[in-house]
Amino acid sequence: MTMDYYRQHADAFFSGTVDVDMASLYRPFIAALPAQGRVLDAGCGSGRDSRAFAGLGYAVDAFDASPEMVAMAREHSGLAVRQMRFDEVEAVSRYDGIWCCASLLHVSSAELPDAMQRLARALKPGGIWYVSFKYGEGERAKEGRRFTDLNETGLAALVQPLEGIAIRKIWTTADKRPERTETWLNALLVHA
C-alpha cells in the first residue's frame, strides 16, 4: 500500500519535501557527531537530508524502499543511494549517526521491533540516532499510506529492549511544511 503511494506520487512527494528547512532538527543531531563521521540516512526519501549531511562533510550512506524515491534521491544528493528496506539492514557498529526522519513510521508495529534492533546493531558505541514519528498511538492508513504513530510511552516501550540504547532527548514539533498541521514526536537515542 505505502509503496504504491510512493510509486504513484513520487514527484509530488519530492517537490513537497525537498526544500523543507530542517536545520532546527539537524542541530542537536550533528552536535553529537564526530567530524567527518559516518551517517546512515535510513528511509531517505528525496535525499534532502543526505545531501545536507554530505555538504557538512559527513560520509553518508542512504537507502529508501521506493525505487522511484531512490532515483530522485540519487540525482538530488549525488550519492549512491541504495534501494532496500529496514529488514535488510545488516551493518554492525558501522555508523556514528543514524537519521530516521519520518521513515520508521511506515513500518508496521509488528515489524518495528526488528527494524529497531537492526538499526541499533548498526550504530557504533557512542553513536547518536534520530527518529521521528507522527504523534499519536497505533496504526492507521491515510491517503494510501500506512502509519505507525507513537507518543512518548510508545517510543520508550520500543527502545527499552534495545541493548545499550537509551533515549537522550524527546520533544514534539509542528510539521515543518507550512500547509501541514501535524504534531511530530522527535527523539535522539544514544548507544552507551
N, C-alpha and C. Protein backbone atom coordinates (compact mmCIF):
# COMPACT_ATOMS: atom_id res chain seq x y z
N MET A 1 0.81 -1.20 0.00
CA MET A 1 0.00 0.00 0.00
C MET A 1 0.86 1.27 0.00
N THR A 2 1.78 1.39 0.97
CA THR A 2 2.63 2.58 1.04
C THR A 2 3.55 2.66 -0.17
N MET A 3 4.08 1.51 -0.61
CA MET A 3 4.96 1.51 -1.78
C MET A 3 4.21 1.99 -3.02
N ASP A 4 2.96 1.58 -3.15
CA ASP A 4 2.15 2.05 -4.29
C ASP A 4 1.96 3.55 -4.24
N TYR A 5 1.77 4.09 -3.04
CA TYR A 5 1.62 5.54 -2.89
C TYR A 5 2.86 6.25 -3.44
N TYR A 6 4.05 5.81 -3.01
CA TYR A 6 5.27 6.49 -3.46
C TYR A 6 5.55 6.25 -4.94
N ARG A 7 5.11 5.12 -5.45
CA ARG A 7 5.25 4.87 -6.88
C ARG A 7 4.41 5.87 -7.67
N GLN A 8 3.19 6.12 -7.21
CA GLN A 8 2.27 6.99 -7.92
C GLN A 8 2.48 8.47 -7.64
N HIS A 9 3.04 8.81 -6.48
CA HIS A 9 3.13 10.21 -6.07
C HIS A 9 4.57 10.67 -5.83
N ALA A 10 5.55 9.99 -6.39
CA ALA A 10 6.95 10.31 -6.12
C ALA A 10 7.29 11.76 -6.45
N ASP A 11 6.85 12.24 -7.61
CA ASP A 11 7.17 13.62 -8.00
C ASP A 11 6.59 14.63 -7.01
N ALA A 12 5.33 14.44 -6.64
CA ALA A 12 4.68 15.38 -5.70
C ALA A 12 5.33 15.30 -4.32
N PHE A 13 5.67 14.09 -3.87
CA PHE A 13 6.32 13.96 -2.57
C PHE A 13 7.69 14.63 -2.59
N PHE A 14 8.45 14.40 -3.65
CA PHE A 14 9.77 15.02 -3.77
C PHE A 14 9.64 16.54 -3.71
N SER A 15 8.79 17.11 -4.54
CA SER A 15 8.69 18.57 -4.60
C SER A 15 8.13 19.15 -3.30
N GLY A 16 7.33 18.39 -2.57
CA GLY A 16 6.75 18.88 -1.33
C GLY A 16 7.66 18.77 -0.12
N THR A 17 8.76 18.02 -0.25
CA THR A 17 9.64 17.82 0.91
C THR A 17 11.08 18.25 0.69
N VAL A 18 11.54 18.34 -0.54
CA VAL A 18 12.96 18.53 -0.80
C VAL A 18 13.50 19.87 -0.28
N ASP A 19 12.67 20.89 -0.23
CA ASP A 19 13.15 22.22 0.18
C ASP A 19 12.74 22.60 1.60
N VAL A 20 12.21 21.66 2.37
CA VAL A 20 11.80 21.97 3.74
C VAL A 20 13.05 22.24 4.58
N ASP A 21 13.02 23.32 5.36
CA ASP A 21 14.15 23.71 6.21
C ASP A 21 14.17 22.84 7.46
N MET A 22 15.14 21.96 7.54
CA MET A 22 15.25 21.02 8.66
C MET A 22 16.36 21.40 9.63
N ALA A 23 16.94 22.59 9.50
CA ALA A 23 18.11 22.99 10.29
C ALA A 23 17.90 22.82 11.79
N SER A 24 16.71 23.15 12.28
CA SER A 24 16.48 23.05 13.73
C SER A 24 16.50 21.59 14.21
N LEU A 25 16.19 20.65 13.34
CA LEU A 25 16.26 19.24 13.69
C LEU A 25 17.67 18.69 13.49
N TYR A 26 18.39 19.23 12.52
CA TYR A 26 19.78 18.79 12.31
C TYR A 26 20.68 19.15 13.50
N ARG A 27 20.49 20.35 14.06
CA ARG A 27 21.43 20.88 15.06
C ARG A 27 21.73 19.92 16.22
N PRO A 28 20.72 19.40 16.93
CA PRO A 28 21.06 18.52 18.05
C PRO A 28 21.68 17.20 17.61
N PHE A 29 21.34 16.75 16.42
CA PHE A 29 21.91 15.51 15.87
C PHE A 29 23.39 15.70 15.54
N ILE A 30 23.69 16.72 14.76
CA ILE A 30 25.09 16.90 14.34
C ILE A 30 25.98 17.36 15.50
N ALA A 31 25.39 17.96 16.52
CA ALA A 31 26.19 18.35 17.69
C ALA A 31 26.81 17.14 18.37
N ALA A 32 26.19 15.97 18.19
CA ALA A 32 26.69 14.74 18.82
C ALA A 32 27.54 13.88 17.88
N LEU A 33 27.73 14.34 16.64
CA LEU A 33 28.50 13.56 15.66
C LEU A 33 29.97 13.99 15.66
N PRO A 34 30.88 13.04 15.49
CA PRO A 34 32.27 13.42 15.30
C PRO A 34 32.48 14.03 13.91
N ALA A 35 33.45 14.90 13.78
CA ALA A 35 33.77 15.48 12.46
C ALA A 35 34.04 14.34 11.47
N GLN A 36 33.53 14.49 10.27
CA GLN A 36 33.65 13.50 9.20
C GLN A 36 33.13 12.12 9.59
N GLY A 37 32.21 12.07 10.55
CA GLY A 37 31.63 10.79 10.95
C GLY A 37 30.80 10.18 9.83
N ARG A 38 30.45 8.92 10.01
CA ARG A 38 29.63 8.19 9.02
C ARG A 38 28.18 8.18 9.49
N VAL A 39 27.29 8.62 8.58
CA VAL A 39 25.87 8.74 8.87
C VAL A 39 25.07 7.84 7.93
N LEU A 40 24.07 7.17 8.48
CA LEU A 40 23.12 6.42 7.68
C LEU A 40 21.81 7.20 7.64
N ASP A 41 21.37 7.58 6.45
CA ASP A 41 20.05 8.19 6.26
C ASP A 41 19.12 7.05 5.86
N ALA A 42 18.38 6.55 6.84
CA ALA A 42 17.57 5.34 6.66
C ALA A 42 16.15 5.72 6.29
N GLY A 43 15.78 5.42 5.06
CA GLY A 43 14.49 5.85 4.53
C GLY A 43 14.60 7.30 4.10
N CYS A 44 15.51 7.55 3.17
CA CYS A 44 15.97 8.92 2.86
C CYS A 44 15.01 9.75 2.03
N GLY A 45 13.95 9.14 1.47
CA GLY A 45 13.00 9.93 0.69
C GLY A 45 13.67 10.69 -0.44
N SER A 46 13.52 11.99 -0.45
CA SER A 46 14.03 12.84 -1.53
C SER A 46 15.55 12.96 -1.57
N GLY A 47 16.23 12.56 -0.48
CA GLY A 47 17.68 12.75 -0.40
C GLY A 47 18.06 14.10 0.18
N ARG A 48 17.07 14.87 0.61
CA ARG A 48 17.31 16.20 1.17
C ARG A 48 18.31 16.16 2.33
N ASP A 49 18.08 15.26 3.28
CA ASP A 49 18.92 15.21 4.47
C ASP A 49 20.28 14.60 4.15
N SER A 50 20.31 13.60 3.28
CA SER A 50 21.58 13.01 2.85
C SER A 50 22.48 14.08 2.24
N ARG A 51 21.90 14.88 1.37
CA ARG A 51 22.65 15.96 0.72
C ARG A 51 23.16 16.96 1.76
N ALA A 52 22.32 17.32 2.72
CA ALA A 52 22.72 18.28 3.75
C ALA A 52 23.88 17.73 4.58
N PHE A 53 23.80 16.47 5.00
CA PHE A 53 24.87 15.90 5.82
C PHE A 53 26.16 15.75 5.02
N ALA A 54 26.07 15.33 3.77
CA ALA A 54 27.27 15.23 2.93
C ALA A 54 27.90 16.62 2.75
N GLY A 55 27.06 17.64 2.58
CA GLY A 55 27.56 19.00 2.44
C GLY A 55 28.27 19.52 3.67
N LEU A 56 27.96 18.93 4.82
CA LEU A 56 28.63 19.31 6.08
C LEU A 56 29.88 18.48 6.34
N GLY A 57 30.23 17.61 5.39
CA GLY A 57 31.47 16.86 5.50
C GLY A 57 31.34 15.46 6.06
N TYR A 58 30.13 14.99 6.26
CA TYR A 58 29.94 13.63 6.78
C TYR A 58 29.94 12.62 5.64
N ALA A 59 30.41 11.42 5.93
CA ALA A 59 30.33 10.30 4.98
C ALA A 59 28.92 9.74 5.12
N VAL A 60 28.15 9.75 4.04
CA VAL A 60 26.72 9.40 4.13
C VAL A 60 26.41 8.17 3.30
N ASP A 61 25.76 7.21 3.94
CA ASP A 61 25.12 6.10 3.25
C ASP A 61 23.62 6.36 3.36
N ALA A 62 22.88 6.04 2.31
CA ALA A 62 21.45 6.30 2.32
C ALA A 62 20.71 5.18 1.60
N PHE A 63 19.49 4.92 2.08
CA PHE A 63 18.64 3.96 1.38
C PHE A 63 17.19 4.38 1.51
N ASP A 64 16.39 3.85 0.59
CA ASP A 64 14.94 4.01 0.64
C ASP A 64 14.35 2.76 0.00
N ALA A 65 13.14 2.41 0.39
CA ALA A 65 12.49 1.22 -0.17
C ALA A 65 11.88 1.46 -1.54
N SER A 66 11.54 2.71 -1.84
CA SER A 66 10.87 3.04 -3.10
C SER A 66 11.88 3.26 -4.23
N PRO A 67 11.80 2.49 -5.31
CA PRO A 67 12.73 2.69 -6.42
C PRO A 67 12.62 4.10 -7.01
N GLU A 68 11.42 4.65 -7.02
CA GLU A 68 11.23 6.00 -7.57
C GLU A 68 11.93 7.04 -6.69
N MET A 69 11.80 6.89 -5.37
CA MET A 69 12.46 7.83 -4.48
C MET A 69 13.98 7.65 -4.51
N VAL A 70 14.44 6.42 -4.64
CA VAL A 70 15.88 6.17 -4.74
C VAL A 70 16.46 6.91 -5.94
N ALA A 71 15.80 6.82 -7.09
CA ALA A 71 16.30 7.50 -8.30
C ALA A 71 16.36 9.01 -8.08
N MET A 72 15.32 9.58 -7.47
CA MET A 72 15.30 11.03 -7.22
C MET A 72 16.35 11.43 -6.18
N ALA A 73 16.50 10.61 -5.13
CA ALA A 73 17.48 10.90 -4.09
C ALA A 73 18.90 10.83 -4.64
N ARG A 74 19.15 9.86 -5.51
CA ARG A 74 20.48 9.77 -6.14
C ARG A 74 20.79 11.04 -6.92
N GLU A 75 19.82 11.47 -7.72
CA GLU A 75 20.03 12.66 -8.53
C GLU A 75 20.20 13.91 -7.67
N HIS A 76 19.36 14.05 -6.65
CA HIS A 76 19.39 15.25 -5.82
C HIS A 76 20.64 15.31 -4.93
N SER A 77 21.01 14.17 -4.35
CA SER A 77 22.12 14.16 -3.39
C SER A 77 23.48 13.92 -4.02
N GLY A 78 23.50 13.28 -5.20
CA GLY A 78 24.77 12.91 -5.80
C GLY A 78 25.41 11.70 -5.13
N LEU A 79 24.64 11.02 -4.28
CA LEU A 79 25.15 9.86 -3.54
C LEU A 79 24.63 8.56 -4.16
N ALA A 80 25.30 7.47 -3.85
CA ALA A 80 24.90 6.15 -4.35
C ALA A 80 23.83 5.57 -3.43
N VAL A 81 22.65 6.14 -3.48
CA VAL A 81 21.55 5.71 -2.63
C VAL A 81 21.12 4.29 -3.02
N ARG A 82 20.95 3.46 -2.01
CA ARG A 82 20.57 2.06 -2.25
C ARG A 82 19.07 1.87 -2.10
N GLN A 83 18.53 0.94 -2.87
CA GLN A 83 17.14 0.53 -2.67
C GLN A 83 17.14 -0.66 -1.73
N MET A 84 16.57 -0.45 -0.56
CA MET A 84 16.45 -1.53 0.42
C MET A 84 15.43 -1.14 1.48
N ARG A 85 15.07 -2.14 2.28
CA ARG A 85 14.10 -1.94 3.36
C ARG A 85 14.83 -2.05 4.71
N PHE A 86 14.14 -1.65 5.77
CA PHE A 86 14.73 -1.74 7.11
C PHE A 86 15.08 -3.17 7.48
N ASP A 87 14.29 -4.14 7.02
CA ASP A 87 14.57 -5.53 7.38
C ASP A 87 15.75 -6.12 6.62
N GLU A 88 16.40 -5.29 5.79
CA GLU A 88 17.60 -5.73 5.07
C GLU A 88 18.87 -5.08 5.63
N VAL A 89 18.76 -4.27 6.65
CA VAL A 89 19.94 -3.64 7.26
C VAL A 89 20.74 -4.71 7.99
N GLU A 90 21.99 -4.89 7.57
CA GLU A 90 22.85 -5.92 8.15
C GLU A 90 24.12 -5.36 8.80
N ALA A 91 24.35 -4.05 8.71
CA ALA A 91 25.58 -3.44 9.23
C ALA A 91 25.68 -3.65 10.74
N VAL A 92 26.92 -3.74 11.21
CA VAL A 92 27.19 -3.88 12.64
C VAL A 92 28.22 -2.82 13.04
N SER A 93 27.86 -1.98 14.00
CA SER A 93 28.75 -0.94 14.55
C SER A 93 29.44 -0.15 13.45
N ARG A 94 28.68 0.27 12.45
CA ARG A 94 29.24 0.98 11.30
C ARG A 94 29.04 2.49 11.37
N TYR A 95 27.98 2.96 12.01
CA TYR A 95 27.59 4.36 11.88
C TYR A 95 27.76 5.15 13.17
N ASP A 96 28.30 6.37 13.02
CA ASP A 96 28.38 7.32 14.13
C ASP A 96 27.02 7.95 14.38
N GLY A 97 26.21 8.00 13.34
CA GLY A 97 24.87 8.56 13.46
C GLY A 97 23.91 7.88 12.51
N ILE A 98 22.68 7.71 12.95
CA ILE A 98 21.62 7.18 12.10
C ILE A 98 20.48 8.18 12.13
N TRP A 99 19.99 8.52 10.95
CA TRP A 99 18.93 9.52 10.79
C TRP A 99 17.70 8.82 10.21
N CYS A 100 16.62 8.79 10.98
CA CYS A 100 15.37 8.17 10.55
C CYS A 100 14.26 9.21 10.63
N CYS A 101 14.27 10.13 9.68
CA CYS A 101 13.31 11.23 9.68
C CYS A 101 12.06 10.82 8.92
N ALA A 102 10.95 10.67 9.63
CA ALA A 102 9.67 10.34 9.00
C ALA A 102 9.76 9.09 8.12
N SER A 103 10.51 8.11 8.56
CA SER A 103 10.66 6.90 7.75
C SER A 103 10.20 5.65 8.50
N LEU A 104 10.62 5.48 9.74
CA LEU A 104 10.20 4.31 10.51
C LEU A 104 8.69 4.29 10.72
N LEU A 105 8.05 5.42 10.58
CA LEU A 105 6.60 5.49 10.78
C LEU A 105 5.82 4.68 9.75
N HIS A 106 6.47 4.27 8.66
CA HIS A 106 5.79 3.43 7.67
C HIS A 106 5.96 1.94 7.94
N VAL A 107 6.73 1.59 8.97
CA VAL A 107 6.92 0.19 9.34
C VAL A 107 5.78 -0.20 10.27
N SER A 108 5.19 -1.37 10.03
CA SER A 108 4.08 -1.81 10.88
C SER A 108 4.56 -2.02 12.31
N SER A 109 3.64 -1.90 13.26
CA SER A 109 4.02 -2.08 14.66
C SER A 109 4.57 -3.48 14.91
N ALA A 110 4.12 -4.48 14.15
CA ALA A 110 4.63 -5.84 14.30
C ALA A 110 6.08 -5.96 13.83
N GLU A 111 6.45 -5.19 12.81
CA GLU A 111 7.81 -5.26 12.25
C GLU A 111 8.77 -4.23 12.83
N LEU A 112 8.23 -3.24 13.54
CA LEU A 112 9.05 -2.16 14.08
C LEU A 112 10.13 -2.62 15.06
N PRO A 113 9.85 -3.56 15.98
CA PRO A 113 10.92 -4.01 16.88
C PRO A 113 12.14 -4.58 16.15
N ASP A 114 11.91 -5.37 15.09
CA ASP A 114 13.03 -5.93 14.32
C ASP A 114 13.80 -4.81 13.62
N ALA A 115 13.10 -3.85 13.02
CA ALA A 115 13.78 -2.73 12.35
C ALA A 115 14.63 -1.96 13.35
N MET A 116 14.09 -1.73 14.53
CA MET A 116 14.85 -1.00 15.56
C MET A 116 16.08 -1.80 16.01
N GLN A 117 15.93 -3.10 16.17
CA GLN A 117 17.08 -3.95 16.55
C GLN A 117 18.18 -3.88 15.50
N ARG A 118 17.79 -3.94 14.22
CA ARG A 118 18.77 -3.90 13.14
C ARG A 118 19.51 -2.56 13.12
N LEU A 119 18.78 -1.48 13.30
CA LEU A 119 19.41 -0.16 13.31
C LEU A 119 20.28 0.01 14.55
N ALA A 120 19.83 -0.49 15.69
CA ALA A 120 20.64 -0.41 16.91
C ALA A 120 21.97 -1.12 16.73
N ARG A 121 21.96 -2.29 16.08
CA ARG A 121 23.21 -3.02 15.81
C ARG A 121 24.13 -2.25 14.88
N ALA A 122 23.55 -1.47 13.98
CA ALA A 122 24.36 -0.72 13.01
C ALA A 122 25.03 0.50 13.61
N LEU A 123 24.56 0.96 14.77
CA LEU A 123 25.09 2.16 15.42
C LEU A 123 26.32 1.81 16.24
N LYS A 124 27.37 2.62 16.09
CA LYS A 124 28.59 2.43 16.87
C LYS A 124 28.35 2.79 18.33
N PRO A 125 29.08 2.19 19.25
CA PRO A 125 29.03 2.67 20.64
C PRO A 125 29.37 4.16 20.68
N GLY A 126 28.59 4.91 21.43
CA GLY A 126 28.77 6.36 21.47
C GLY A 126 28.01 7.09 20.38
N GLY A 127 27.36 6.33 19.50
CA GLY A 127 26.66 6.93 18.36
C GLY A 127 25.35 7.58 18.74
N ILE A 128 24.85 8.42 17.83
CA ILE A 128 23.60 9.16 18.02
C ILE A 128 22.60 8.73 16.94
N TRP A 129 21.31 8.68 17.30
CA TRP A 129 20.28 8.16 16.40
C TRP A 129 19.04 9.03 16.54
N TYR A 130 18.63 9.64 15.44
CA TYR A 130 17.43 10.48 15.43
C TYR A 130 16.28 9.70 14.82
N VAL A 131 15.11 9.76 15.48
CA VAL A 131 13.89 9.16 14.95
C VAL A 131 12.75 10.17 15.06
N SER A 132 11.80 10.07 14.14
CA SER A 132 10.59 10.89 14.25
C SER A 132 9.38 10.09 13.78
N PHE A 133 8.29 10.31 14.48
CA PHE A 133 7.01 9.67 14.19
C PHE A 133 5.92 10.71 14.29
N LYS A 134 4.84 10.51 13.57
CA LYS A 134 3.68 11.36 13.81
C LYS A 134 3.16 11.03 15.21
N TYR A 135 2.79 12.08 15.92
CA TYR A 135 2.42 11.93 17.32
C TYR A 135 1.05 11.25 17.45
N GLY A 136 1.00 10.20 18.25
CA GLY A 136 -0.26 9.50 18.46
C GLY A 136 -0.02 8.09 18.96
N GLU A 137 -1.00 7.25 18.76
CA GLU A 137 -0.92 5.86 19.19
C GLU A 137 -1.53 4.96 18.12
N GLY A 138 -0.87 3.85 17.85
CA GLY A 138 -1.46 2.83 16.98
C GLY A 138 -1.16 3.01 15.51
N GLU A 139 -1.76 2.11 14.74
CA GLU A 139 -1.58 2.09 13.29
C GLU A 139 -2.81 2.64 12.60
N ARG A 140 -2.57 3.24 11.44
CA ARG A 140 -3.68 3.78 10.66
C ARG A 140 -3.26 3.87 9.20
N ALA A 141 -4.24 3.96 8.34
CA ALA A 141 -4.00 4.21 6.93
C ALA A 141 -4.58 5.57 6.59
N LYS A 142 -3.85 6.31 5.77
CA LYS A 142 -4.33 7.62 5.34
C LYS A 142 -3.83 7.89 3.93
N GLU A 143 -4.76 8.16 3.03
CA GLU A 143 -4.44 8.54 1.67
C GLU A 143 -3.44 7.60 1.00
N GLY A 144 -3.64 6.31 1.21
CA GLY A 144 -2.82 5.31 0.53
C GLY A 144 -1.51 4.96 1.22
N ARG A 145 -1.29 5.46 2.43
CA ARG A 145 -0.06 5.11 3.17
C ARG A 145 -0.44 4.56 4.54
N ARG A 146 0.42 3.66 5.03
CA ARG A 146 0.25 3.11 6.37
C ARG A 146 1.18 3.86 7.32
N PHE A 147 0.66 4.17 8.52
CA PHE A 147 1.45 4.87 9.52
C PHE A 147 1.38 4.13 10.85
N THR A 148 2.49 4.10 11.55
CA THR A 148 2.53 3.70 12.94
C THR A 148 2.87 4.96 13.72
N ASP A 149 1.92 5.44 14.49
CA ASP A 149 2.09 6.67 15.28
C ASP A 149 2.58 6.30 16.67
N LEU A 150 3.41 7.17 17.25
CA LEU A 150 3.92 6.92 18.59
C LEU A 150 3.83 8.18 19.45
N ASN A 151 3.66 7.96 20.75
CA ASN A 151 3.83 9.02 21.73
C ASN A 151 5.04 8.66 22.59
N GLU A 152 5.29 9.41 23.64
CA GLU A 152 6.48 9.17 24.47
C GLU A 152 6.47 7.77 25.08
N THR A 153 5.32 7.32 25.55
CA THR A 153 5.22 5.99 26.16
C THR A 153 5.49 4.89 25.14
N GLY A 154 4.93 5.03 23.95
CA GLY A 154 5.14 4.05 22.90
C GLY A 154 6.60 3.97 22.46
N LEU A 155 7.24 5.13 22.35
CA LEU A 155 8.65 5.14 21.96
C LEU A 155 9.51 4.51 23.06
N ALA A 156 9.24 4.85 24.31
CA ALA A 156 10.01 4.27 25.42
C ALA A 156 9.89 2.75 25.42
N ALA A 157 8.70 2.23 25.15
CA ALA A 157 8.49 0.78 25.11
C ALA A 157 9.24 0.15 23.94
N LEU A 158 9.35 0.86 22.85
CA LEU A 158 10.07 0.37 21.67
C LEU A 158 11.58 0.35 21.90
N VAL A 159 12.08 1.34 22.62
CA VAL A 159 13.52 1.46 22.85
C VAL A 159 13.99 0.56 23.99
N GLN A 160 13.14 0.32 24.97
CA GLN A 160 13.54 -0.41 26.18
C GLN A 160 14.27 -1.73 25.91
N PRO A 161 13.83 -2.58 24.97
CA PRO A 161 14.54 -3.84 24.76
C PRO A 161 15.85 -3.74 23.96
N LEU A 162 16.19 -2.55 23.47
CA LEU A 162 17.38 -2.40 22.65
C LEU A 162 18.62 -2.29 23.54
N GLU A 163 19.45 -3.30 23.50
CA GLU A 163 20.62 -3.35 24.38
C GLU A 163 21.57 -2.17 24.11
N GLY A 164 21.88 -1.43 25.15
CA GLY A 164 22.82 -0.33 25.06
C GLY A 164 22.24 0.96 24.51
N ILE A 165 20.96 0.97 24.13
CA ILE A 165 20.34 2.17 23.55
C ILE A 165 19.46 2.85 24.60
N ALA A 166 19.62 4.16 24.71
CA ALA A 166 18.83 4.94 25.67
C ALA A 166 18.31 6.20 24.98
N ILE A 167 17.21 6.72 25.48
CA ILE A 167 16.67 7.98 24.98
C ILE A 167 17.41 9.12 25.65
N ARG A 168 18.04 9.97 24.85
CA ARG A 168 18.73 11.14 25.38
C ARG A 168 17.77 12.33 25.50
N LYS A 169 16.93 12.50 24.48
CA LYS A 169 16.05 13.66 24.44
C LYS A 169 14.81 13.30 23.63
N ILE A 170 13.67 13.78 24.08
CA ILE A 170 12.40 13.57 23.37
C ILE A 170 11.68 14.91 23.34
N TRP A 171 11.13 15.28 22.18
CA TRP A 171 10.41 16.54 22.08
C TRP A 171 9.42 16.48 20.93
N THR A 172 8.47 17.39 20.94
CA THR A 172 7.49 17.46 19.86
C THR A 172 7.70 18.74 19.07
N THR A 173 7.33 18.68 17.80
CA THR A 173 7.41 19.84 16.92
C THR A 173 6.18 19.86 16.02
N ALA A 174 5.89 21.04 15.52
CA ALA A 174 4.88 21.17 14.47
C ALA A 174 5.53 20.74 13.17
N ASP A 175 4.73 20.30 12.23
CA ASP A 175 5.23 19.91 10.92
C ASP A 175 5.99 21.09 10.31
N LYS A 176 7.11 20.81 9.69
CA LYS A 176 7.95 21.86 9.09
C LYS A 176 7.37 22.38 7.77
N ARG A 177 6.42 21.66 7.19
CA ARG A 177 5.79 22.11 5.96
C ARG A 177 4.65 23.07 6.32
N PRO A 178 4.64 24.27 5.74
CA PRO A 178 3.69 25.30 6.16
C PRO A 178 2.22 24.93 6.00
N GLU A 179 1.90 24.06 5.06
CA GLU A 179 0.49 23.71 4.83
C GLU A 179 0.01 22.56 5.73
N ARG A 180 0.89 22.03 6.57
CA ARG A 180 0.55 20.89 7.41
C ARG A 180 0.39 21.30 8.87
N THR A 181 -0.44 20.55 9.59
CA THR A 181 -0.70 20.88 10.99
C THR A 181 -0.38 19.73 11.94
N GLU A 182 0.22 18.65 11.45
CA GLU A 182 0.51 17.51 12.31
C GLU A 182 1.56 17.86 13.37
N THR A 183 1.48 17.12 14.48
CA THR A 183 2.50 17.19 15.52
C THR A 183 3.40 15.97 15.36
N TRP A 184 4.70 16.19 15.52
CA TRP A 184 5.69 15.13 15.37
C TRP A 184 6.38 14.85 16.70
N LEU A 185 6.61 13.58 16.95
CA LEU A 185 7.42 13.14 18.08
C LEU A 185 8.84 12.95 17.55
N ASN A 186 9.79 13.64 18.16
CA ASN A 186 11.20 13.56 17.77
C ASN A 186 11.99 13.00 18.95
N ALA A 187 13.02 12.24 18.66
CA ALA A 187 13.86 11.73 19.75
C ALA A 187 15.28 11.54 19.27
N LEU A 188 16.19 11.77 20.19
CA LEU A 188 17.60 11.41 20.00
C LEU A 188 17.88 10.23 20.91
N LEU A 189 18.36 9.16 20.31
CA LEU A 189 18.74 7.97 21.05
C LEU A 189 20.26 7.87 21.04
N VAL A 190 20.83 7.30 22.08
CA VAL A 190 22.29 7.14 22.14
C VAL A 190 22.63 5.69 22.40
N HIS A 191 23.79 5.31 21.87
CA HIS A 191 24.33 3.97 22.14
C HIS A 191 25.41 4.15 23.19
N ALA A 192 25.12 3.65 24.39
CA ALA A 192 26.06 3.81 25.51
C ALA A 192 27.33 3.01 25.28
